[in-house]
PDB file of N, CA and C in Angstrom:
ATOM      1  N   MET A   1     -38.513   1.604 -34.012  1.00  0.00           N
ATOM      2  CA  MET A   1     -37.814   2.711 -33.723  1.00  0.00           C
ATOM      3  C   MET A   1     -36.440   1.997 -33.721  1.00  0.00           C
ATOM      4  N   LEU A   2     -35.600   3.085 -33.378  1.00  0.00           N
ATOM      5  CA  LEU A   2     -33.835   2.391 -33.696  1.00  0.00           C
ATOM      6  C   LEU A   2     -33.794   2.796 -32.169  1.00  0.00           C
ATOM      7  N   VAL A   3     -32.818   1.773 -31.866  1.00  0.00           N
ATOM      8  CA  VAL A   3     -32.048   1.807 -30.320  1.00  0.00           C
ATOM      9  C   VAL A   3     -31.472   3.016 -29.976  1.00  0.00           C
ATOM     10  N   SER A   4     -30.741   3.940 -31.243  1.00  0.00           N
ATOM     11  CA  SER A   4     -30.265   4.774 -30.747  1.00  0.00           C
ATOM     12  C   SER A   4     -30.926   6.219 -30.915  1.00  0.00           C
ATOM     13  N   GLU A   5     -32.193   5.986 -31.163  1.00  0.00           N
ATOM     14  CA  GLU A   5     -33.346   7.316 -30.936  1.00  0.00           C
ATOM     15  C   GLU A   5     -33.739   7.731 -29.197  1.00  0.00           C
ATOM     16  N   ALA A   6     -33.744   8.621 -28.705  1.00  0.00           N
ATOM     17  CA  ALA A   6     -33.528   8.690 -27.607  1.00  0.00           C
ATOM     18  C   ALA A   6     -35.638   9.170 -26.936  1.00  0.00           C
ATOM     19  N   PRO A   7     -35.742   8.135 -26.378  1.00  0.00           N
ATOM     20  CA  PRO A   7     -36.966   8.535 -25.974  1.00  0.00           C
ATOM     21  C   PRO A   7     -37.944  10.094 -25.763  1.00  0.00           C
ATOM     22  N   VAL A   8     -39.031   9.804 -26.439  1.00  0.00           N
ATOM     23  CA  VAL A   8     -39.655  11.353 -26.568  1.00  0.00           C
ATOM     24  C   VAL A   8     -40.586  11.249 -24.793  1.00  0.00           C
ATOM     25  N   PHE A   9     -40.226  12.033 -24.360  1.00  0.00           N
ATOM     26  CA  PHE A   9     -41.051  12.072 -22.753  1.00  0.00           C
ATOM     27  C   PHE A   9     -42.206  13.409 -23.447  1.00  0.00           C
ATOM     28  N   PRO A  10     -43.101  13.626 -22.353  1.00  0.00           N
ATOM     29  CA  PRO A  10     -43.941  14.930 -22.902  1.00  0.00           C
ATOM     30  C   PRO A  10     -43.732  16.070 -22.010  1.00  0.00           C
ATOM     31  N   ALA A  11     -44.329  16.758 -22.499  1.00  0.00           N
ATOM     32  CA  ALA A  11     -43.342  18.554 -21.540  1.00  0.00           C
ATOM     33  C   ALA A  11     -43.600  18.365 -20.119  1.00  0.00           C
ATOM     34  N   ASP A  12     -44.425  18.020 -19.245  1.00  0.00           N
ATOM     35  CA  ASP A  12     -44.468  18.075 -18.064  1.00  0.00           C
ATOM     36  C   ASP A  12     -43.653  16.786 -17.119  1.00  0.00           C
ATOM     37  N   ALA A  13     -43.287  15.768 -18.391  1.00  0.00           N
ATOM     38  CA  ALA A  13     -42.722  14.897 -17.605  1.00  0.00           C
ATOM     39  C   ALA A  13     -40.917  15.324 -17.565  1.00  0.00           C
ATOM     40  N   THR A  14     -41.015  15.886 -18.726  1.00  0.00           N
ATOM     41  CA  THR A  14     -39.127  16.591 -19.177  1.00  0.00           C
ATOM     42  C   THR A  14     -39.322  17.632 -17.721  1.00  0.00           C
ATOM     43  N   ALA A  15     -39.934  19.054 -17.783  1.00  0.00           N
ATOM     44  CA  ALA A  15     -40.088  19.642 -16.629  1.00  0.00           C
ATOM     45  C   ALA A  15     -39.802  19.256 -15.691  1.00  0.00           C
ATOM     46  N   ARG A  16     -40.743  17.660 -15.259  1.00  0.00           N
ATOM     47  CA  ARG A  16     -40.095  17.373 -13.517  1.00  0.00           C
ATOM     48  C   ARG A  16     -38.818  16.579 -13.058  1.00  0.00           C
ATOM     49  N   ILE A  17     -38.473  15.903 -14.576  1.00  0.00           N
ATOM     50  CA  ILE A  17     -37.155  15.689 -14.076  1.00  0.00           C
ATOM     51  C   ILE A  17     -36.135  16.966 -14.233  1.00  0.00           C
ATOM     52  N   ALA A  18     -36.380  17.905 -14.744  1.00  0.00           N
ATOM     53  CA  ALA A  18     -35.539  18.748 -14.256  1.00  0.00           C
ATOM     54  C   ALA A  18     -35.613  19.324 -13.243  1.00  0.00           C
ATOM     55  N   ALA A  19     -37.398  19.587 -12.599  1.00  0.00           N
ATOM     56  CA  ALA A  19     -37.300  20.246 -11.346  1.00  0.00           C
ATOM     57  C   ALA A  19     -36.555  19.023 -10.167  1.00  0.00           C
ATOM     58  N   LEU A  20     -36.551  17.547 -10.419  1.00  0.00           N
ATOM     59  CA  LEU A  20     -35.819  16.749  -9.513  1.00  0.00           C
ATOM     60  C   LEU A  20     -34.485  16.700  -9.541  1.00  0.00           C
ATOM     61  N   GLU A  21     -33.924  17.201 -10.945  1.00  0.00           N
ATOM     62  CA  GLU A  21     -32.893  17.070 -10.744  1.00  0.00           C
ATOM     63  C   GLU A  21     -32.161  18.839 -10.062  1.00  0.00           C
ATOM     64  N   ALA A  22     -32.296  19.756 -10.316  1.00  0.00           N
ATOM     65  CA  ALA A  22     -32.583  21.095  -9.577  1.00  0.00           C
ATOM     66  C   ALA A  22     -32.656  20.373  -8.357  1.00  0.00           C
ATOM     67  N   LEU A  23     -33.551  19.933  -7.718  1.00  0.00           N
ATOM     68  CA  LEU A  23     -33.793  19.484  -5.981  1.00  0.00           C
ATOM     69  C   LEU A  23     -32.563  18.442  -5.548  1.00  0.00           C
ATOM     70  N   LEU A  24     -32.350  17.612  -6.667  1.00  0.00           N
ATOM     71  CA  LEU A  24     -30.571  16.927  -6.070  1.00  0.00           C
ATOM     72  C   LEU A  24     -29.789  17.417  -6.174  1.00  0.00           C
ATOM     73  N   ALA A  25     -29.334  18.630  -7.069  1.00  0.00           N
ATOM     74  CA  ALA A  25     -28.525  19.594  -6.538  1.00  0.00           C
ATOM     75  C   ALA A  25     -28.010  20.015  -5.155  1.00  0.00           C
ATOM     76  N   ARG A  26     -29.427  20.735  -4.888  1.00  0.00           N
ATOM     77  CA  ARG A  26     -29.723  21.517  -3.635  1.00  0.00           C
ATOM     78  C   ARG A  26     -29.140  20.705  -2.615  1.00  0.00           C
ATOM     79  N   ALA A  27     -29.630  19.659  -2.732  1.00  0.00           N
ATOM     80  CA  ALA A  27     -29.213  18.826  -1.805  1.00  0.00           C
ATOM     81  C   ALA A  27     -28.271  18.188  -1.367  1.00  0.00           C
ATOM     82  N   ASN A  28     -27.365  17.864  -2.487  1.00  0.00           N
ATOM     83  CA  ASN A  28     -25.679  17.628  -2.588  1.00  0.00           C
ATOM     84  C   ASN A  28     -25.279  18.734  -2.036  1.00  0.00           C
ATOM     85  N   ALA A  29     -25.618  19.945  -2.652  1.00  0.00           N
ATOM     86  CA  ALA A  29     -24.537  21.535  -2.004  1.00  0.00           C
ATOM     87  C   ALA A  29     -25.237  21.708  -0.659  1.00  0.00           C
ATOM     88  N   ALA A  30     -26.278  21.262  -0.078  1.00  0.00           N
ATOM     89  CA  ALA A  30     -26.440  21.496   0.932  1.00  0.00           C
ATOM     90  C   ALA A  30     -25.420  20.471   2.123  1.00  0.00           C
ATOM     91  N   LEU A  31     -25.453  19.233   1.298  1.00  0.00           N
ATOM     92  CA  LEU A  31     -24.700  18.262   2.196  1.00  0.00           C
ATOM     93  C   LEU A  31     -23.121  18.504   1.938  1.00  0.00           C
ATOM     94  N   ALA A  32     -22.829  18.906   1.158  1.00  0.00           N
ATOM     95  CA  ALA A  32     -21.475  19.397   1.177  1.00  0.00           C
ATOM     96  C   ALA A  32     -21.358  20.579   2.022  1.00  0.00           C
ATOM     97  N   ALA A  33     -21.698  21.692   1.982  1.00  0.00           N
ATOM     98  CA  ALA A  33     -21.933  22.476   3.176  1.00  0.00           C
ATOM     99  C   ALA A  33     -21.792  22.020   4.681  1.00  0.00           C
ATOM    100  N   ARG A  34     -22.708  21.071   4.749  1.00  0.00           N
ATOM    101  CA  ARG A  34     -22.976  20.710   6.206  1.00  0.00           C
ATOM    102  C   ARG A  34     -21.524  19.922   6.532  1.00  0.00           C
ATOM    103  N   ASP A  35     -21.184  18.544   5.672  1.00  0.00           N
ATOM    104  CA  ASP A  35     -19.776  18.291   5.745  1.00  0.00           C
ATOM    105  C   ASP A  35     -18.824  19.214   5.967  1.00  0.00           C
ATOM    106  N   LEU A  36     -18.951  20.425   5.204  1.00  0.00           N
ATOM    107  CA  LEU A  36     -17.524  21.406   5.005  1.00  0.00           C
ATOM    108  C   LEU A  36     -17.491  22.086   6.892  1.00  0.00           C
ATOM    109  N   LEU A  37     -18.959  22.090   7.268  1.00  0.00           N
ATOM    110  CA  LEU A  37     -19.089  22.527   9.041  1.00  0.00           C
ATOM    111  C   LEU A  37     -18.748  21.426   9.776  1.00  0.00           C
ATOM    112  N   ILE A  38     -19.103  20.471   9.560  1.00  0.00           N
ATOM    113  CA  ILE A  38     -18.331  19.539  10.400  1.00  0.00           C
ATOM    114  C   ILE A  38     -16.373  19.174  10.322  1.00  0.00           C
ATOM    115  N   ASP A  39     -16.269  19.158   9.287  1.00  0.00           N
ATOM    116  CA  ASP A  39     -14.931  19.555   8.753  1.00  0.00           C
ATOM    117  C   ASP A  39     -14.234  20.686   9.805  1.00  0.00           C
ATOM    118  N   SER A  40     -14.500  21.589   9.893  1.00  0.00           N
ATOM    119  CA  SER A  40     -14.270  22.979  10.327  1.00  0.00           C
ATOM    120  C   SER A  40     -14.787  22.681  11.884  1.00  0.00           C
ATOM    121  N   LEU A  41     -15.594  22.410  12.481  1.00  0.00           N
ATOM    122  CA  LEU A  41     -15.655  21.877  13.738  1.00  0.00           C
ATOM    123  C   LEU A  41     -14.679  20.963  14.171  1.00  0.00           C
ATOM    124  N   ARG A  42     -14.492  20.157  14.028  1.00  0.00           N
ATOM    125  CA  ARG A  42     -13.624  19.183  14.362  1.00  0.00           C
ATOM    126  C   ARG A  42     -12.225  19.540  14.062  1.00  0.00           C
ATOM    127  N   GLY A  43     -11.691  20.202  13.333  1.00  0.00           N
ATOM    128  CA  GLY A  43     -10.625  21.343  13.688  1.00  0.00           C
ATOM    129  C   GLY A  43     -10.585  21.965  14.621  1.00  0.00           C
ATOM    130  N   GLN A  44     -11.420  23.111  14.697  1.00  0.00           N
ATOM    131  CA  GLN A  44     -12.003  23.773  15.965  1.00  0.00           C
ATOM    132  C   GLN A  44     -11.644  23.346  17.361  1.00  0.00           C
ATOM    133  N   ILE A  45     -12.298  22.144  17.343  1.00  0.00           N
ATOM    134  CA  ILE A  45     -12.009  21.650  18.394  1.00  0.00           C
ATOM    135  C   ILE A  45     -10.825  20.761  19.143  1.00  0.00           C
ATOM    136  N   ALA A  46     -10.171  20.514  18.080  1.00  0.00           N
ATOM    137  CA  ALA A  46      -9.494  19.580  17.309  1.00  0.00           C
ATOM    138  C   ALA A  46      -7.803  20.986  18.267  1.00  0.00           C
ATOM    139  N   ARG A  47      -7.770  22.046  17.686  1.00  0.00           N
ATOM    140  CA  ARG A  47      -7.536  23.577  18.057  1.00  0.00           C
ATOM    141  C   ARG A  47      -7.658  23.800  19.553  1.00  0.00           C
ATOM    142  N   LEU A  48      -8.658  23.837  20.244  1.00  0.00           N
ATOM    143  CA  LEU A  48      -9.474  24.367  21.163  1.00  0.00           C
ATOM    144  C   LEU A  48      -8.377  23.386  22.710  1.00  0.00           C
ATOM    145  N   ARG A  49      -8.502  21.486  22.287  1.00  0.00           N
ATOM    146  CA  ARG A  49      -8.101  20.848  22.811  1.00  0.00           C
ATOM    147  C   ARG A  49      -6.409  20.888  23.185  1.00  0.00           C
ATOM    148  N   ARG A  50      -6.032  21.282  22.180  1.00  0.00           N
ATOM    149  CA  ARG A  50      -4.295  21.448  22.599  1.00  0.00           C
ATOM    150  C   ARG A  50      -3.992  22.679  23.178  1.00  0.00           C
ATOM    151  N   MET A  51      -4.976  23.910  23.186  1.00  0.00           N
ATOM    152  CA  MET A  51      -4.974  24.998  24.071  1.00  0.00           C
ATOM    153  C   MET A  51      -5.672  24.792  24.876  1.00  0.00           C
ATOM    154  N   GLN A  52      -5.874  23.991  25.286  1.00  0.00           N
ATOM    155  CA  GLN A  52      -6.354  23.973  26.863  1.00  0.00           C
ATOM    156  C   GLN A  52      -5.508  24.365  28.080  1.00  0.00           C
ATOM    157  N   PHE A  53      -4.140  23.485  27.904  1.00  0.00           N
ATOM    158  CA  PHE A  53      -3.639  23.656  29.227  1.00  0.00           C
ATOM    159  C   PHE A  53      -3.410  25.108  29.299  1.00  0.00           C
ATOM    160  N   GLY A  54      -3.817  26.327  28.423  1.00  0.00           N
ATOM    161  CA  GLY A  54      -3.261  27.939  28.974  1.00  0.00           C
ATOM    162  C   GLY A  54      -3.777  28.285  30.053  1.00  0.00           C
ATOM    163  N   ALA A  55      -3.789  29.593  30.087  1.00  0.00           N
ATOM    164  CA  ALA A  55      -4.090  30.619  31.282  1.00  0.00           C
ATOM    165  C   ALA A  55      -5.776  30.413  31.342  1.00  0.00           C
ATOM    166  N   SER A  56      -6.396  30.175  30.469  1.00  0.00           N
ATOM    167  CA  SER A  56      -7.943  30.290  30.283  1.00  0.00           C
ATOM    168  C   SER A  56      -8.452  29.838  30.139  1.00  0.00           C
ATOM    169  N   SER A  57      -7.635  27.862  31.077  1.00  0.00           N
ATOM    170  CA  SER A  57      -8.401  27.141  30.197  1.00  0.00           C
ATOM    171  C   SER A  57      -9.488  26.386  30.366  1.00  0.00           C
ATOM    172  N   GLU A  58     -10.140  27.116  31.799  1.00  0.00           N
ATOM    173  CA  GLU A  58     -11.583  27.098  31.610  1.00  0.00           C
ATOM    174  C   GLU A  58     -12.671  27.690  30.930  1.00  0.00           C
ATOM    175  N   LYS A  59     -12.515  28.644  30.031  1.00  0.00           N
ATOM    176  CA  LYS A  59     -12.908  29.479  29.142  1.00  0.00           C
ATOM    177  C   LYS A  59     -13.099  28.699  28.147  1.00  0.00           C
ATOM    178  N   LEU A  60     -11.790  27.821  27.635  1.00  0.00           N
ATOM    179  CA  LEU A  60     -11.587  27.246  26.695  1.00  0.00           C
ATOM    180  C   LEU A  60     -12.854  25.555  26.328  1.00  0.00           C
ATOM    181  N   GLY A  61     -12.223  25.312  27.737  1.00  0.00           N
ATOM    182  CA  GLY A  61     -13.431  24.228  28.079  1.00  0.00           C
ATOM    183  C   GLY A  61     -14.702  24.228  27.372  1.00  0.00           C
ATOM    184  N   ARG A  62     -15.373  25.219  28.340  1.00  0.00           N
ATOM    185  CA  ARG A  62     -16.568  25.509  27.765  1.00  0.00           C
ATOM    186  C   ARG A  62     -17.407  25.600  26.382  1.00  0.00           C
ATOM    187  N   GLU A  63     -15.845  26.263  25.380  1.00  0.00           N
ATOM    188  CA  GLU A  63     -16.373  26.439  24.192  1.00  0.00           C
ATOM    189  C   GLU A  63     -15.574  25.084  23.516  1.00  0.00           C
ATOM    190  N   VAL A  64     -14.614  24.295  23.917  1.00  0.00           N
ATOM    191  CA  VAL A  64     -15.061  23.091  23.225  1.00  0.00           C
ATOM    192  C   VAL A  64     -16.104  22.095  23.942  1.00  0.00           C
ATOM    193  N   GLU A  65     -16.469  22.326  24.471  1.00  0.00           N
ATOM    194  CA  GLU A  65     -18.211  21.304  25.497  1.00  0.00           C
ATOM    195  C   GLU A  65     -19.083  21.872  23.941  1.00  0.00           C
ATOM    196  N   GLN A  66     -19.210  23.499  24.312  1.00  0.00           N
ATOM    197  CA  GLN A  66     -20.240  23.746  23.038  1.00  0.00           C
ATOM    198  C   GLN A  66     -19.947  23.118  21.441  1.00  0.00           C
ATOM    199  N   LEU A  67     -18.952  23.514  20.910  1.00  0.00           N
ATOM    200  CA  LEU A  67     -18.230  22.707  19.575  1.00  0.00           C
ATOM    201  C   LEU A  67     -18.785  21.029  19.567  1.00  0.00           C
ATOM    202  N   GLU A  68     -18.587  20.549  20.534  1.00  0.00           N
ATOM    203  CA  GLU A  68     -18.622  19.073  20.552  1.00  0.00           C
ATOM    204  C   GLU A  68     -20.130  19.170  20.662  1.00  0.00           C
ATOM    205  N   LEU A  69     -21.246  19.564  20.987  1.00  0.00           N
ATOM    206  CA  LEU A  69     -22.738  19.780  20.906  1.00  0.00           C
ATOM    207  C   LEU A  69     -23.061  20.219  19.591  1.00  0.00           C
ATOM    208  N   ALA A  70     -22.842  20.912  19.144  1.00  0.00           N
ATOM    209  CA  ALA A  70     -22.892  21.584  17.787  1.00  0.00           C
ATOM    210  C   ALA A  70     -22.604  20.668  16.944  1.00  0.00           C
ATOM    211  N   LEU A  71     -21.602  19.626  16.999  1.00  0.00           N
ATOM    212  CA  LEU A  71     -20.855  18.641  16.174  1.00  0.00           C
ATOM    213  C   LEU A  71     -21.782  17.437  16.227  1.00  0.00           C
ATOM    214  N   GLU A  72     -22.292  17.167  17.506  1.00  0.00           N
ATOM    215  CA  GLU A  72     -23.074  15.999  17.798  1.00  0.00           C
ATOM    216  C   GLU A  72     -24.188  16.166  17.162  1.00  0.00           C
ATOM    217  N   GLU A  73     -25.061  17.244  17.094  1.00  0.00           N
ATOM    218  CA  GLU A  73     -25.987  17.323  16.409  1.00  0.00           C
ATOM    219  C   GLU A  73     -25.942  17.481  15.090  1.00  0.00           C
ATOM    220  N   LEU A  74     -24.849  17.849  14.522  1.00  0.00           N
ATOM    221  CA  LEU A  74     -25.021  17.741  12.703  1.00  0.00           C
ATOM    222  C   LEU A  74     -24.578  16.318  12.160  1.00  0.00           C
ATOM    223  N   GLU A  75     -23.760  15.097  13.013  1.00  0.00           N
ATOM    224  CA  GLU A  75     -23.732  14.302  13.035  1.00  0.00           C
ATOM    225  C   GLU A  75     -25.076  13.731  13.171  1.00  0.00           C
ATOM    226  N   ALA A  76     -25.956  13.902  14.117  1.00  0.00           N
ATOM    227  CA  ALA A  76     -26.797  13.371  14.039  1.00  0.00           C
ATOM    228  C   ALA A  76     -27.566  13.460  13.403  1.00  0.00           C
ATOM    229  N   GLU A  77     -27.566  14.348  12.571  1.00  0.00           N
ATOM    230  CA  GLU A  77     -28.573  15.043  11.019  1.00  0.00           C
ATOM    231  C   GLU A  77     -28.186  14.051  10.209  1.00  0.00           C
ATOM    232  N   ARG A  78     -26.830  14.233  10.261  1.00  0.00           N
ATOM    233  CA  ARG A  78     -25.995  13.510   8.667  1.00  0.00           C
ATOM    234  C   ARG A  78     -26.383  11.927   8.903  1.00  0.00           C
ATOM    235  N   ASP A  79     -26.590  11.168  10.350  1.00  0.00           N
ATOM    236  CA  ASP A  79     -26.860   9.642  10.404  1.00  0.00           C
ATOM    237  C   ASP A  79     -27.958   9.786  10.125  1.00  0.00           C
ATOM    238  N   ALA A  80     -29.281  10.649  10.187  1.00  0.00           N
ATOM    239  CA  ALA A  80     -30.290  10.016  10.406  1.00  0.00           C
ATOM    240  C   ALA A  80     -30.997  10.345   8.793  1.00  0.00           C
ATOM    241  N   ALA A  81     -30.280  11.248   8.150  1.00  0.00           N
ATOM    242  CA  ALA A  81     -30.584  10.747   6.562  1.00  0.00           C
ATOM    243  C   ALA A  81     -30.432   9.601   6.177  1.00  0.00           C
ATOM    244  N   PRO A  82     -31.450   9.511   4.788  1.00  0.00           N
ATOM    245  CA  PRO A  82     -31.451   8.134   4.668  1.00  0.00           C
ATOM    246  C   PRO A  82     -30.521   7.748   3.764  1.00  0.00           C
ATOM    247  N   GLU A  83     -29.939   6.349   3.449  1.00  0.00           N
ATOM    248  CA  GLU A  83     -29.003   5.653   2.968  1.00  0.00           C
ATOM    249  C   GLU A  83     -28.357   6.558   1.959  1.00  0.00           C
ATOM    250  N   GLU A  84     -29.170   6.595   1.101  1.00  0.00           N
ATOM    251  CA  GLU A  84     -29.048   6.663  -0.378  1.00  0.00           C
ATOM    252  C   GLU A  84     -28.849   8.416  -0.535  1.00  0.00           C
ATOM    253  N   GLU A  85     -28.822   9.135   0.507  1.00  0.00           N
ATOM    254  CA  GLU A  85     -28.752  10.494   0.179  1.00  0.00           C
ATOM    255  C   GLU A  85     -27.641  10.825   0.686  1.00  0.00           C
ATOM    256  N   ARG A  86     -26.505  10.154   1.610  1.00  0.00           N
ATOM    257  CA  ARG A  86     -25.630  10.035   2.125  1.00  0.00           C
ATOM    258  C   ARG A  86     -24.208  10.412   0.714  1.00  0.00           C
ATOM    259  N   PRO A  87     -23.802  11.331   1.449  1.00  0.00           N
ATOM    260  CA  PRO A  87     -22.261  10.835  -0.238  1.00  0.00           C
ATOM    261  C   PRO A  87     -21.211  10.117   0.150  1.00  0.00           C
ATOM    262  N   SER A  88     -20.738   9.182  -0.400  1.00  0.00           N
ATOM    263  CA  SER A  88     -19.818   7.843   0.046  1.00  0.00           C
ATOM    264  C   SER A  88     -18.730   8.354   0.338  1.00  0.00           C
ATOM    265  N   GLU A  89     -17.851   8.248   1.433  1.00  0.00           N
ATOM    266  CA  GLU A  89     -16.904   8.670   2.233  1.00  0.00           C
ATOM    267  C   GLU A  89     -15.865   8.004   1.694  1.00  0.00           C
ATOM    268  N   THR A  90     -16.031   6.648   1.421  1.00  0.00           N
ATOM    269  CA  THR A  90     -14.621   5.825   0.415  1.00  0.00           C
ATOM    270  C   THR A  90     -14.473   5.925  -0.257  1.00  0.00           C
ATOM    271  N   ALA A  91     -15.585   6.286  -1.452  1.00  0.00           N
ATOM    272  CA  ALA A  91     -15.628   6.495  -2.756  1.00  0.00           C
ATOM    273  C   ALA A  91     -14.717   8.277  -3.245  1.00  0.00           C
ATOM    274  N   SER A  92     -14.656   9.310  -1.943  1.00  0.00           N
ATOM    275  CA  SER A  92     -14.713   9.944  -2.385  1.00  0.00           C
ATOM    276  C   SER A  92     -12.646  10.403  -2.266  1.00  0.00           C
ATOM    277  N   ARG A  93     -12.176   9.165  -1.264  1.00  0.00           N
ATOM    278  CA  ARG A  93     -10.714   9.610  -1.146  1.00  0.00           C
ATOM    279  C   ARG A  93     -10.252   8.394  -1.554  1.00  0.00           C
ATOM    280  N   PRO A  94      -9.259   8.736  -2.254  1.00  0.00           N
ATOM    281  CA  PRO A  94      -8.856   7.721  -3.210  1.00  0.00           C
ATOM    282  C   PRO A  94      -7.197   7.307  -2.478  1.00  0.00           C
ATOM    283  N   VAL A  95      -7.197   5.867  -1.827  1.00  0.00           N
ATOM    284  CA  VAL A  95      -5.694   5.610  -1.302  1.00  0.00           C
ATOM    285  C   VAL A  95      -5.037   5.777  -2.156  1.00  0.00           C
ATOM    286  N   PRO A  96      -3.729   6.142  -1.572  1.00  0.00           N
ATOM    287  CA  PRO A  96      -2.423   6.032  -2.295  1.00  0.00           C
ATOM    288  C   PRO A  96      -1.768   5.125  -2.515  1.00  0.00           C
ATOM    289  N   VAL A  97      -1.512   5.051  -3.630  1.00  0.00           N
ATOM    290  CA  VAL A  97      -0.516   3.108  -3.471  1.00  0.00           C
ATOM    291  C   VAL A  97       1.164   3.249  -3.632  1.00  0.00           C
ATOM    292  N   ARG A  98       1.509   3.077  -2.525  1.00  0.00           N
ATOM    293  CA  ARG A  98       2.911   3.272  -2.496  1.00  0.00           C
ATOM    294  C   ARG A  98       3.573   1.748  -2.580  1.00  0.00           C
ATOM    295  N   SER A  99       4.944   2.100  -2.852  1.00  0.00           N
ATOM    296  CA  SER A  99       5.834   0.926  -2.693  1.00  0.00           C
ATOM    297  C   SER A  99       6.823   1.120  -1.884  1.00  0.00           C
ATOM    298  N   LEU A 100       7.161  -0.015  -1.454  1.00  0.00           N
ATOM    299  CA  LEU A 100       8.183  -0.303  -0.353  1.00  0.00           C
ATOM    300  C   LEU A 100       9.561   0.139  -0.706  1.00  0.00           C
ATOM    301  N   PRO A 101      10.635   0.693   0.047  1.00  0.00           N
ATOM    302  CA  PRO A 101      11.451   1.581  -0.311  1.00  0.00           C
ATOM    303  C   PRO A 101      12.494   0.279  -0.419  1.00  0.00           C
ATOM    304  N   GLU A 102      13.531   0.537  -1.072  1.00  0.00           N
ATOM    305  CA  GLU A 102      14.189  -0.840  -1.873  1.00  0.00           C
ATOM    306  C   GLU A 102      14.670  -1.391  -0.443  1.00  0.00           C
ATOM    307  N   HIS A 103      15.232  -0.397   0.720  1.00  0.00           N
ATOM    308  CA  HIS A 103      16.006  -1.071   1.598  1.00  0.00           C
ATOM    309  C   HIS A 103      15.505  -2.256   2.296  1.00  0.00           C
ATOM    310  N   LEU A 104      13.731  -2.191   2.017  1.00  0.00           N
ATOM    311  CA  LEU A 104      13.363  -3.238   2.472  1.00  0.00           C
ATOM    312  C   LEU A 104      12.727  -4.613   1.812  1.00  0.00           C
ATOM    313  N   PRO A 105      12.706  -5.625   2.962  1.00  0.00           N
ATOM    314  CA  PRO A 105      12.911  -7.231   1.837  1.00  0.00           C
ATOM    315  C   PRO A 105      10.906  -7.238   1.892  1.00  0.00           C
ATOM    316  N   ARG A 106      10.998  -7.917   0.629  1.00  0.00           N
ATOM    317  CA  ARG A 106       9.679  -8.423   0.365  1.00  0.00           C
ATOM    318  C   ARG A 106       8.858  -9.384   1.261  1.00  0.00           C
TER     319      ARG A 106
END
């Protein structure tokens, strides 16, 4: 057998691989949707906190508490997921490399 030849799998193994790949894609999509929801809730909480000192601050305070509870539940679900299922946060955010301004000494 040559090294360049692809291994031949039985039909049931190929179907199982395809099913597992589809399951993984759905799980990744669900994780991405949940992360978007978490980011959205964080944005809403930040906006409501800025508005908190307005005329209807008591009503907004209750909304902030409800959103914080929802955020805590989602973060608890994310933290409860096994480590291999979590997307890497550091890999998705590249760190920009900037040089110092010319007027600053090195």
